[in-house]
Amino acid sequence: MASPPDLEPYLNSLYILRVGSQPVTDRMPAYSGQMLLVLDGGGAMRFANGGHGMAKGPVFQCPLTQSHEFSLEPNTRMLGVSLNFRGWAALTGLAVDDYCDRYVPIDRGLRPELAQRTEDVAKRAGSGDMDEGAALEELAAIVREGISQLSERHLQVIDRTLEWLSSSLKPEIANLLDKLPYSERQVQRLVTRFFGQPPVRLIRRYRAIRAATLLAMPELSPKLEAEIREAFYDQAHMIKEIRHFTGRTPRRLQPKVDSVVKATLGEPGYGSVDLFGGNQDEELAKKGD
């Protein structure tokens, strides 16, 4: 569900996730932070560092820097707020290099009174006293009240980095340094704080996500497919990178049914980064004509 217009700079979307009578096991791609309210059932994620997290009640799923295996119990019902990187910084204030690839209690990223309101929403929506639409509206209100104004310096780092990531499948780090009035060491530190990874790692991540999204399209122009493949050393390298960051091989990027993976590997799931920037915009426009 689209976020309210005033929250668009901070959110990818609001959503409802429902699981049928069978458990679900899949892999979650590298993705931005989520505020989750588990109303029924629950979920678990097996993190790459060997950790294991449980999603019960209201929690924050910290930004994911690579793909992780997750499972959902039968009949699970969740409400979610998908935060982009601006939203994570403005709402939680948590440095992504310290808070990534894990779950944390809701009060770690919200003021006590807002954390309590979130707990109340989870209880009321779980009991049926509040419908899902009203609960999402209340979550949006909580986010709205919890957001703090980012400093001009921090907003500059986040937005210029996003612009840089959107510019090409293989953006040059020198171009990012040109965009920011800081030393290379400061840029490395600030980008890692807000994105959880230094610029060279972000290039790998978004190249893989972009390639996965484009390769999942039913039809792809030969020119655009060649551009994607040229962004990697060879086909084996492309497959390895896509699997690392999305949990899927290119051959498995078109699920026949809706899934968490399908929902996150696309432009709506990455609202703050133009996955189709650079030359791909032109090629996709031609395809649309």
C-alpha atoms as a PDB file:
ATOM      1  CA  MET A   1       0.000   0.000   0.000  1.00  0.00           C
ATOM      2  CA  ALA A   2       1.341   3.418  -0.914  1.00  0.00           C
ATOM      3  CA  SER A   3       2.610   5.518   1.968  1.00  0.00           C
ATOM      4  CA  PRO A   4       0.830   8.805   2.800  1.00  0.00           C
ATOM      5  CA  PRO A   5       2.191  11.615   0.592  1.00  0.00           C
ATOM      6  CA  ASP A   6       3.895  13.422   3.470  1.00  0.00           C
ATOM      7  CA  LEU A   7       5.801  10.241   4.401  1.00  0.00           C
ATOM      8  CA  GLU A   8       6.931   9.353   0.872  1.00  0.00           C
ATOM      9  CA  PRO A   9      10.475  10.706   1.467  1.00  0.00           C
ATOM     10  CA  TYR A  10      10.871   8.180   4.292  1.00  0.00           C
ATOM     11  CA  LEU A  11       8.933   5.053   3.295  1.00  0.00           C
ATOM     12  CA  ASN A  12       8.878   2.507   0.506  1.00  0.00           C
ATOM     13  CA  SER A  13       5.364   1.356   1.415  1.00  0.00           C
ATOM     14  CA  LEU A  14       2.966   0.067   4.059  1.00  0.00           C
ATOM     15  CA  TYR A  15       1.879  -3.537   3.711  1.00  0.00           C
ATOM     16  CA  ILE A  16      -0.133  -6.473   5.009  1.00  0.00           C
ATOM     17  CA  LEU A  17       1.410  -9.941   4.848  1.00  0.00           C
ATOM     18  CA  ARG A  18      -0.811 -13.004   5.229  1.00  0.00           C
ATOM     19  CA  VAL A  19       0.255 -16.651   5.166  1.00  0.00           C
ATOM     20  CA  GLY A  20      -2.088 -19.506   4.308  1.00  0.00           C
ATOM     21  CA  SER A  21      -2.414 -22.845   6.039  1.00  0.00           C
ATOM     22  CA  GLN A  22       1.074 -24.022   5.045  1.00  0.00           C
ATOM     23  CA  PRO A  23       4.398 -22.704   6.408  1.00  0.00           C
ATOM     24  CA  VAL A  24       6.560 -20.596   4.121  1.00  0.00           C
ATOM     25  CA  THR A  25      10.334 -20.849   3.797  1.00  0.00           C
ATOM     26  CA  ASP A  26      12.230 -18.586   1.417  1.00  0.00           C
ATOM     27  CA  ARG A  27      15.063 -16.070   1.311  1.00  0.00           C
ATOM     28  CA  MET A  28      14.739 -12.340   1.890  1.00  0.00           C
ATOM     29  CA  PRO A  29      16.890 -10.188  -0.396  1.00  0.00           C
ATOM     30  CA  ALA A  30      19.174  -7.467   0.941  1.00  0.00           C
ATOM     31  CA  TYR A  31      16.609  -4.872   1.896  1.00  0.00           C
ATOM     32  CA  SER A  32      16.008  -1.743   3.931  1.00  0.00           C
ATOM     33  CA  GLY A  33      14.689  -1.671   7.510  1.00  0.00           C
ATOM     34  CA  GLN A  34      11.157  -2.732   8.436  1.00  0.00           C
ATOM     35  CA  MET A  35       8.846  -2.006  11.343  1.00  0.00           C
ATOM     36  CA  LEU A  36       6.842  -5.211  11.804  1.00  0.00           C
ATOM     37  CA  LEU A  37       3.735  -5.952  13.838  1.00  0.00           C
ATOM     38  CA  VAL A  38       3.067  -9.683  14.091  1.00  0.00           C
ATOM     39  CA  LEU A  39      -0.646 -10.071  14.789  1.00  0.00           C
ATOM     40  CA  ASP A  40      -0.924 -13.862  14.475  1.00  0.00           C
ATOM     41  CA  GLY A  41       1.648 -16.629  14.094  1.00  0.00           C
ATOM     42  CA  GLY A  42       5.234 -15.511  13.732  1.00  0.00           C
ATOM     43  CA  GLY A  43       8.410 -15.746  11.730  1.00  0.00           C
ATOM     44  CA  ALA A  44      12.105 -16.434  12.090  1.00  0.00           C
ATOM     45  CA  MET A  45      15.198 -15.457  10.150  1.00  0.00           C
ATOM     46  CA  ARG A  46      18.489 -17.296   9.967  1.00  0.00           C
ATOM     47  CA  PHE A  47      21.175 -14.672   9.578  1.00  0.00           C
ATOM     48  CA  ALA A  48      24.372 -15.208   7.626  1.00  0.00           C
ATOM     49  CA  ASN A  49      26.508 -14.645  10.742  1.00  0.00           C
ATOM     50  CA  GLY A  50      24.931 -17.694  12.349  1.00  0.00           C
ATOM     51  CA  GLY A  51      22.417 -15.772  14.417  1.00  0.00           C
ATOM     52  CA  HIS A  52      18.734 -16.612  14.574  1.00  0.00           C
ATOM     53  CA  GLY A  53      15.985 -14.055  15.174  1.00  0.00           C
ATOM     54  CA  MET A  54      12.289 -14.447  15.989  1.00  0.00           C
ATOM     55  CA  ALA A  55       9.612 -11.975  14.895  1.00  0.00           C
ATOM     56  CA  LYS A  56       6.857 -11.846  17.527  1.00  0.00           C
ATOM     57  CA  GLY A  57       4.722  -8.842  18.386  1.00  0.00           C
ATOM     58  CA  PRO A  58       6.139  -5.465  17.247  1.00  0.00           C
ATOM     59  CA  VAL A  59       9.826  -5.481  16.245  1.00  0.00           C
ATOM     60  CA  PHE A  60      12.253  -3.732  13.945  1.00  0.00           C
ATOM     61  CA  GLN A  61      13.856  -5.846  11.259  1.00  0.00           C
ATOM     62  CA  CYS A  62      17.127  -3.983  10.777  1.00  0.00           C
ATOM     63  CA  PRO A  63      18.378  -3.348   7.223  1.00  0.00           C
ATOM     64  CA  LEU A  64      19.675  -6.504   5.551  1.00  0.00           C
ATOM     65  CA  THR A  65      23.057  -6.314   3.835  1.00  0.00           C
ATOM     66  CA  GLN A  66      22.697  -9.644   2.031  1.00  0.00           C
ATOM     67  CA  SER A  67      20.100 -12.332   1.515  1.00  0.00           C
ATOM     68  CA  HIS A  68      18.934 -14.370   4.526  1.00  0.00           C
ATOM     69  CA  GLU A  69      16.710 -17.401   4.909  1.00  0.00           C
ATOM     70  CA  PHE A  70      13.403 -16.849   6.685  1.00  0.00           C
ATOM     71  CA  SER A  71      10.389 -18.920   7.649  1.00  0.00           C
ATOM     72  CA  LEU A  72       6.800 -17.982   8.438  1.00  0.00           C
ATOM     73  CA  GLU A  73       4.403 -20.053  10.504  1.00  0.00           C
ATOM     74  CA  PRO A  74       1.020 -21.098   9.039  1.00  0.00           C
ATOM     75  CA  ASN A  75      -1.692 -18.431   9.301  1.00  0.00           C
ATOM     76  CA  THR A  76       0.783 -15.680  10.147  1.00  0.00           C
ATOM     77  CA  ARG A  77      -0.541 -12.170   9.761  1.00  0.00           C
ATOM     78  CA  MET A  78       1.772  -9.147   9.829  1.00  0.00           C
ATOM     79  CA  LEU A  79       1.507  -5.423   9.286  1.00  0.00           C
ATOM     80  CA  GLY A  80       4.615  -3.677   8.063  1.00  0.00           C
ATOM     81  CA  VAL A  81       6.163  -0.295   7.446  1.00  0.00           C
ATOM     82  CA  SER A  82       8.961  -0.477   4.901  1.00  0.00           C
ATOM     83  CA  LEU A  83      11.430   2.291   5.712  1.00  0.00           C
ATOM     84  CA  ASN A  84      13.918   3.559   3.171  1.00  0.00           C
ATOM     85  CA  PHE A  85      17.357   4.681   4.341  1.00  0.00           C
ATOM     86  CA  ARG A  86      16.184   8.220   5.058  1.00  0.00           C
ATOM     87  CA  GLY A  87      13.294   6.813   7.050  1.00  0.00           C
ATOM     88  CA  TRP A  88      15.454   4.433   9.081  1.00  0.00           C
ATOM     89  CA  ALA A  89      17.818   7.245  10.067  1.00  0.00           C
ATOM     90  CA  ALA A  90      15.060   9.783  10.785  1.00  0.00           C
ATOM     91  CA  LEU A  91      12.832   7.394  12.761  1.00  0.00           C
ATOM     92  CA  THR A  92      15.233   5.159  14.685  1.00  0.00           C
ATOM     93  CA  GLY A  93      18.497   7.134  14.710  1.00  0.00           C
ATOM     94  CA  LEU A  94      20.292   3.758  14.716  1.00  0.00           C
ATOM     95  CA  ALA A  95      23.571   3.482  12.777  1.00  0.00           C
ATOM     96  CA  VAL A  96      23.104   0.771  10.158  1.00  0.00           C
ATOM     97  CA  ASP A  97      26.655  -0.557  10.552  1.00  0.00           C
ATOM     98  CA  ASP A  98      25.769  -1.371  14.180  1.00  0.00           C
ATOM     99  CA  TYR A  99      22.140  -2.340  13.558  1.00  0.00           C
ATOM    100  CA  CYS A 100      21.889  -4.573  10.512  1.00  0.00           C
ATOM    101  CA  ASP A 101      21.043  -8.206   9.796  1.00  0.00           C
ATOM    102  CA  ARG A 102      19.088  -8.652  13.042  1.00  0.00           C
ATOM    103  CA  TYR A 103      15.815  -7.988  14.834  1.00  0.00           C
ATOM    104  CA  VAL A 104      15.635  -5.464  17.676  1.00  0.00           C
ATOM    105  CA  PRO A 105      12.804  -4.652  20.117  1.00  0.00           C
ATOM    106  CA  ILE A 106      10.497  -1.867  19.012  1.00  0.00           C
ATOM    107  CA  ASP A 107      11.555   0.370  21.906  1.00  0.00           C
ATOM    108  CA  ARG A 108      15.146   0.360  20.648  1.00  0.00           C
ATOM    109  CA  GLY A 109      14.139   2.637  17.785  1.00  0.00           C
ATOM    110  CA  LEU A 110      11.086   4.487  19.141  1.00  0.00           C
ATOM    111  CA  ARG A 111      10.489   6.800  22.063  1.00  0.00           C
ATOM    112  CA  PRO A 112       8.804   4.987  24.993  1.00  0.00           C
ATOM    113  CA  GLU A 113       5.357   6.514  24.400  1.00  0.00           C
ATOM    114  CA  LEU A 114       5.449   5.631  20.692  1.00  0.00           C
ATOM    115  CA  ALA A 115       6.687   2.118  21.422  1.00  0.00           C
ATOM    116  CA  GLN A 116       3.718   1.680  23.781  1.00  0.00           C
ATOM    117  CA  ARG A 117       1.307   2.943  21.126  1.00  0.00           C
ATOM    118  CA  THR A 118       2.770   0.402  18.708  1.00  0.00           C
ATOM    119  CA  GLU A 119       2.251  -2.363  21.262  1.00  0.00           C
ATOM    120  CA  ASP A 120      -1.355  -1.224  21.673  1.00  0.00           C
ATOM    121  CA  VAL A 121      -1.943  -1.305  17.898  1.00  0.00           C
ATOM    122  CA  ALA A 122      -0.567  -4.853  17.735  1.00  0.00           C
ATOM    123  CA  LYS A 123      -2.897  -6.004  20.532  1.00  0.00           C
ATOM    124  CA  ARG A 124      -5.997  -4.293  19.150  1.00  0.00           C
ATOM    125  CA  ALA A 125      -5.423  -5.414  15.562  1.00  0.00           C
ATOM    126  CA  GLY A 126      -4.557  -8.920  16.722  1.00  0.00           C
ATOM    127  CA  SER A 127      -7.777  -9.212  18.728  1.00  0.00           C
ATOM    128  CA  GLY A 128      -9.936  -7.797  15.941  1.00  0.00           C
ATOM    129  CA  ASP A 129     -10.743  -4.630  17.871  1.00  0.00           C
ATOM    130  CA  MET A 130      -9.047  -2.603  15.092  1.00  0.00           C
ATOM    131  CA  ASP A 131      -9.152  -3.470  11.404  1.00  0.00           C
ATOM    132  CA  GLU A 132      -5.960  -3.731   9.372  1.00  0.00           C
ATOM    133  CA  GLY A 133      -6.531  -0.494   7.447  1.00  0.00           C
ATOM    134  CA  ALA A 134      -7.012   1.527  10.615  1.00  0.00           C
ATOM    135  CA  ALA A 135      -3.967  -0.157  12.152  1.00  0.00           C
ATOM    136  CA  LEU A 136      -1.809   0.852   9.183  1.00  0.00           C
ATOM    137  CA  GLU A 137      -3.085   4.421   9.476  1.00  0.00           C
ATOM    138  CA  GLU A 138      -2.102   4.435  13.151  1.00  0.00           C
ATOM    139  CA  LEU A 139       1.343   3.050  12.284  1.00  0.00           C
ATOM    140  CA  ALA A 140       1.771   5.867   9.758  1.00  0.00           C
ATOM    141  CA  ALA A 141       0.796   8.354  12.480  1.00  0.00           C
ATOM    142  CA  ILE A 142       3.355   6.836  14.852  1.00  0.00           C
ATOM    143  CA  VAL A 143       6.058   7.117  12.199  1.00  0.00           C
ATOM    144  CA  ARG A 144       5.019  10.696  11.494  1.00  0.00           C
ATOM    145  CA  GLU A 145       5.386  11.637  15.164  1.00  0.00           C
ATOM    146  CA  GLY A 146       8.604   9.668  15.614  1.00  0.00           C
ATOM    147  CA  ILE A 147      10.543  11.124  12.701  1.00  0.00           C
ATOM    148  CA  SER A 148      13.225  13.635  13.618  1.00  0.00           C
ATOM    149  CA  GLN A 149      14.594  16.158  11.176  1.00  0.00           C
ATOM    150  CA  LEU A 150      17.892  14.922   9.748  1.00  0.00           C
ATOM    151  CA  SER A 151      20.746  17.377   9.711  1.00  0.00           C
ATOM    152  CA  GLU A 152      21.562  18.942   6.359  1.00  0.00           C
ATOM    153  CA  ARG A 153      24.918  17.145   6.434  1.00  0.00           C
ATOM    154  CA  HIS A 154      23.410  13.705   6.998  1.00  0.00           C
ATOM    155  CA  LEU A 155      20.605  14.222   4.503  1.00  0.00           C
ATOM    156  CA  GLN A 156      23.190  15.273   1.941  1.00  0.00           C
ATOM    157  CA  VAL A 157      25.168  12.062   2.438  1.00  0.00           C
ATOM    158  CA  ILE A 158      22.082   9.855   2.121  1.00  0.00           C
ATOM    159  CA  ASP A 159      20.571  11.593  -0.893  1.00  0.00           C
ATOM    160  CA  ARG A 160      23.800  12.059  -2.830  1.00  0.00           C
ATOM    161  CA  THR A 161      24.679   8.402  -2.248  1.00  0.00           C
ATOM    162  CA  LEU A 162      21.250   7.339  -3.497  1.00  0.00           C
ATOM    163  CA  GLU A 163      21.653   9.515  -6.588  1.00  0.00           C
ATOM    164  CA  TRP A 164      25.060   7.988  -7.189  1.00  0.00           C
ATOM    165  CA  LEU A 165      23.742   4.430  -6.813  1.00  0.00           C
ATOM    166  CA  SER A 166      20.966   5.243  -9.270  1.00  0.00           C
ATOM    167  CA  SER A 167      23.311   6.555 -11.946  1.00  0.00           C
ATOM    168  CA  SER A 168      24.737   3.329 -13.342  1.00  0.00           C
ATOM    169  CA  LEU A 169      25.193  -0.406 -12.942  1.00  0.00           C
ATOM    170  CA  LYS A 170      28.842   0.349 -12.178  1.00  0.00           C
ATOM    171  CA  PRO A 171      29.111   3.843 -10.672  1.00  0.00           C
ATOM    172  CA  GLU A 172      32.605   5.147 -10.046  1.00  0.00           C
ATOM    173  CA  ILE A 173      33.509   5.862  -6.427  1.00  0.00           C
ATOM    174  CA  ALA A 174      35.332   8.982  -7.622  1.00  0.00           C
ATOM    175  CA  ASN A 175      31.964  10.366  -8.752  1.00  0.00           C
ATOM    176  CA  LEU A 176      30.542   9.936  -5.259  1.00  0.00           C
ATOM    177  CA  LEU A 177      33.553  11.718  -3.757  1.00  0.00           C
ATOM    178  CA  ASP A 178      32.944  14.578  -6.192  1.00  0.00           C
ATOM    179  CA  LYS A 179      29.336  14.863  -4.993  1.00  0.00           C
ATOM    180  CA  LEU A 180      30.220  15.179  -1.293  1.00  0.00           C
ATOM    181  CA  PRO A 181      32.326  17.913   0.370  1.00  0.00           C
ATOM    182  CA  TYR A 182      34.170  15.473   2.642  1.00  0.00           C
ATOM    183  CA  SER A 183      37.417  13.560   2.649  1.00  0.00           C
ATOM    184  CA  GLU A 184      37.433  10.014   1.308  1.00  0.00           C
ATOM    185  CA  ARG A 185      37.744   8.680   4.847  1.00  0.00           C
ATOM    186  CA  GLN A 186      34.737  10.716   6.029  1.00  0.00           C
ATOM    187  CA  VAL A 187      32.667   9.547   3.058  1.00  0.00           C
ATOM    188  CA  GLN A 188      33.507   5.914   3.804  1.00  0.00           C
ATOM    189  CA  ARG A 189      32.521   6.371   7.458  1.00  0.00           C
ATOM    190  CA  LEU A 190      29.271   8.249   6.798  1.00  0.00           C
ATOM    191  CA  VAL A 191      28.088   5.983   3.982  1.00  0.00           C
ATOM    192  CA  THR A 192      28.760   2.938   6.157  1.00  0.00           C
ATOM    193  CA  ARG A 193      26.816   4.529   9.010  1.00  0.00           C
ATOM    194  CA  PHE A 194      23.706   5.171   6.933  1.00  0.00           C
ATOM    195  CA  PHE A 195      23.820   2.178   4.575  1.00  0.00           C
ATOM    196  CA  GLY A 196      25.626  -0.461   6.620  1.00  0.00           C
ATOM    197  CA  GLN A 197      28.288  -0.970   3.966  1.00  0.00           C
ATOM    198  CA  PRO A 198      31.066   1.101   2.387  1.00  0.00           C
ATOM    199  CA  PRO A 199      30.605   2.419  -1.167  1.00  0.00           C
ATOM    200  CA  VAL A 200      32.439  -0.440  -2.884  1.00  0.00           C
ATOM    201  CA  ARG A 201      30.092  -2.956  -1.249  1.00  0.00           C
ATOM    202  CA  LEU A 202      27.029  -0.887  -2.125  1.00  0.00           C
ATOM    203  CA  ILE A 203      28.062  -0.990  -5.775  1.00  0.00           C
ATOM    204  CA  ARG A 204      28.019  -4.795  -5.631  1.00  0.00           C
ATOM    205  CA  ARG A 205      24.691  -4.888  -3.807  1.00  0.00           C
ATOM    206  CA  TYR A 206      22.748  -2.578  -6.111  1.00  0.00           C
ATOM    207  CA  ARG A 207      24.342  -3.975  -9.245  1.00  0.00           C
ATOM    208  CA  ALA A 208      23.076  -7.417  -8.224  1.00  0.00           C
ATOM    209  CA  ILE A 209      19.609  -6.154  -7.224  1.00  0.00           C
ATOM    210  CA  ARG A 210      19.287  -4.172 -10.428  1.00  0.00           C
ATOM    211  CA  ALA A 211      20.444  -7.063 -12.581  1.00  0.00           C
ATOM    212  CA  ALA A 212      18.041  -9.418 -10.803  1.00  0.00           C
ATOM    213  CA  THR A 213      15.103  -7.062 -11.270  1.00  0.00           C
ATOM    214  CA  LEU A 214      15.802  -6.470 -14.939  1.00  0.00           C
ATOM    215  CA  LEU A 215      16.538 -10.109 -15.742  1.00  0.00           C
ATOM    216  CA  ALA A 216      13.216 -11.093 -14.135  1.00  0.00           C
ATOM    217  CA  MET A 217      11.298  -9.087 -16.728  1.00  0.00           C
ATOM    218  CA  PRO A 218       9.436 -11.237 -19.278  1.00  0.00           C
ATOM    219  CA  GLU A 219      11.137  -9.481 -22.196  1.00  0.00           C
ATOM    220  CA  LEU A 220      14.493  -7.753 -22.203  1.00  0.00           C
ATOM    221  CA  SER A 221      16.181  -6.057 -25.127  1.00  0.00           C
ATOM    222  CA  PRO A 222      19.458  -7.666 -26.278  1.00  0.00           C
ATOM    223  CA  LYS A 223      21.233  -4.342 -25.715  1.00  0.00           C
ATOM    224  CA  LEU A 224      20.092  -4.087 -22.110  1.00  0.00           C
ATOM    225  CA  GLU A 225      20.852  -7.737 -21.408  1.00  0.00           C
ATOM    226  CA  ALA A 226      24.352  -7.225 -22.813  1.00  0.00           C
ATOM    227  CA  GLU A 227      24.829  -4.158 -20.593  1.00  0.00           C
ATOM    228  CA  ILE A 228      23.863  -6.202 -17.531  1.00  0.00           C
ATOM    229  CA  ARG A 229      26.250  -9.017 -18.384  1.00  0.00           C
ATOM    230  CA  GLU A 230      29.093  -6.598 -19.103  1.00  0.00           C
ATOM    231  CA  ALA A 231      28.726  -5.247 -15.556  1.00  0.00           C
ATOM    232  CA  PHE A 232      30.083  -8.571 -14.220  1.00  0.00           C
ATOM    233  CA  TYR A 233      33.334 -10.418 -14.870  1.00  0.00           C
ATOM    234  CA  ASP A 234      31.514 -13.389 -16.376  1.00  0.00           C
ATOM    235  CA  GLN A 235      28.292 -15.364 -16.050  1.00  0.00           C
ATOM    236  CA  ALA A 236      29.509 -17.322 -13.024  1.00  0.00           C
ATOM    237  CA  HIS A 237      30.326 -14.057 -11.240  1.00  0.00           C
ATOM    238  CA  MET A 238      26.879 -12.640 -12.079  1.00  0.00           C
ATOM    239  CA  ILE A 239      25.092 -15.732 -10.746  1.00  0.00           C
ATOM    240  CA  LYS A 240      27.163 -15.731  -7.556  1.00  0.00           C
ATOM    241  CA  GLU A 241      26.513 -12.040  -6.856  1.00  0.00           C
ATOM    242  CA  ILE A 242      22.791 -12.246  -7.565  1.00  0.00           C
ATOM    243  CA  ARG A 243      22.462 -15.294  -5.312  1.00  0.00           C
ATOM    244  CA  HIS A 244      24.410 -13.595  -2.516  1.00  0.00           C
ATOM    245  CA  PHE A 245      22.250 -10.462  -2.442  1.00  0.00           C
ATOM    246  CA  THR A 246      18.849 -11.839  -3.531  1.00  0.00           C
ATOM    247  CA  GLY A 247      18.916 -15.505  -2.572  1.00  0.00           C
ATOM    248  CA  ARG A 248      17.911 -16.473  -6.112  1.00  0.00           C
ATOM    249  CA  THR A 249      19.744 -17.458  -9.248  1.00  0.00           C
ATOM    250  CA  PRO A 250      18.733 -15.626 -12.456  1.00  0.00           C
ATOM    251  CA  ARG A 251      16.807 -18.716 -13.543  1.00  0.00           C
ATOM    252  CA  ARG A 252      14.654 -18.566 -10.407  1.00  0.00           C
ATOM    253  CA  LEU A 253      13.866 -14.850 -10.508  1.00  0.00           C
ATOM    254  CA  GLN A 254      10.346 -15.237 -11.888  1.00  0.00           C
ATOM    255  CA  PRO A 255       8.207 -16.886  -9.206  1.00  0.00           C
ATOM    256  CA  LYS A 256       4.920 -18.161 -10.601  1.00  0.00           C
ATOM    257  CA  VAL A 257       3.004 -16.858  -7.588  1.00  0.00           C
ATOM    258  CA  ASP A 258       3.272 -13.768  -5.424  1.00  0.00           C
ATOM    259  CA  SER A 259       6.011 -14.003  -2.811  1.00  0.00           C
ATOM    260  CA  VAL A 260       8.051 -11.860  -0.466  1.00  0.00           C
ATOM    261  CA  VAL A 261      10.967 -12.108  -2.876  1.00  0.00           C
ATOM    262  CA  LYS A 262       8.873 -10.976  -5.829  1.00  0.00           C
ATOM    263  CA  ALA A 263       7.462  -8.062  -3.816  1.00  0.00           C
ATOM    264  CA  THR A 264      10.871  -6.766  -2.743  1.00  0.00           C
ATOM    265  CA  LEU A 265      12.796  -7.258  -6.000  1.00  0.00           C
ATOM    266  CA  GLY A 266      11.287  -4.383  -7.888  1.00  0.00           C
ATOM    267  CA  GLU A 267      10.967  -0.622  -8.169  1.00  0.00           C
ATOM    268  CA  PRO A 268       8.144  -0.315  -5.573  1.00  0.00           C
ATOM    269  CA  GLY A 269      10.308  -2.168  -3.061  1.00  0.00           C
ATOM    270  CA  TYR A 270      13.218   0.210  -3.599  1.00  0.00           C
ATOM    271  CA  GLY A 271      11.425   3.519  -3.750  1.00  0.00           C
ATOM    272  CA  SER A 272      14.462   5.573  -2.746  1.00  0.00           C
ATOM    273  CA  VAL A 273      16.814   4.134  -5.365  1.00  0.00           C
ATOM    274  CA  ASP A 274      16.052   4.384  -9.062  1.00  0.00           C
ATOM    275  CA  LEU A 275      16.796   0.809 -10.069  1.00  0.00           C
ATOM    276  CA  PHE A 276      16.280   1.818 -13.670  1.00  0.00           C
ATOM    277  CA  GLY A 277      18.612   4.793 -13.775  1.00  0.00           C
ATOM    278  CA  GLY A 278      21.333   5.477 -16.272  1.00  0.00           C
ATOM    279  CA  ASN A 279      21.106   3.945 -19.734  1.00  0.00           C
ATOM    280  CA  GLN A 280      18.462   1.456 -18.624  1.00  0.00           C
ATOM    281  CA  ASP A 281      15.834   4.238 -18.477  1.00  0.00           C
ATOM    282  CA  GLU A 282      16.292   4.996 -22.137  1.00  0.00           C
ATOM    283  CA  GLU A 283      16.202   1.355 -23.166  1.00  0.00           C
ATOM    284  CA  LEU A 284      13.088   0.601 -21.106  1.00  0.00           C
ATOM    285  CA  ALA A 285      11.355   3.653 -22.535  1.00  0.00           C
ATOM    286  CA  LYS A 286      12.048   2.392 -26.041  1.00  0.00           C
ATOM    287  CA  LYS A 287      10.669  -0.984 -25.033  1.00  0.00           C
ATOM    288  CA  GLY A 288       7.508   0.657 -23.731  1.00  0.00           C
ATOM    289  CA  ASP A 289       7.003   2.560 -27.006  1.00  0.00           C
END
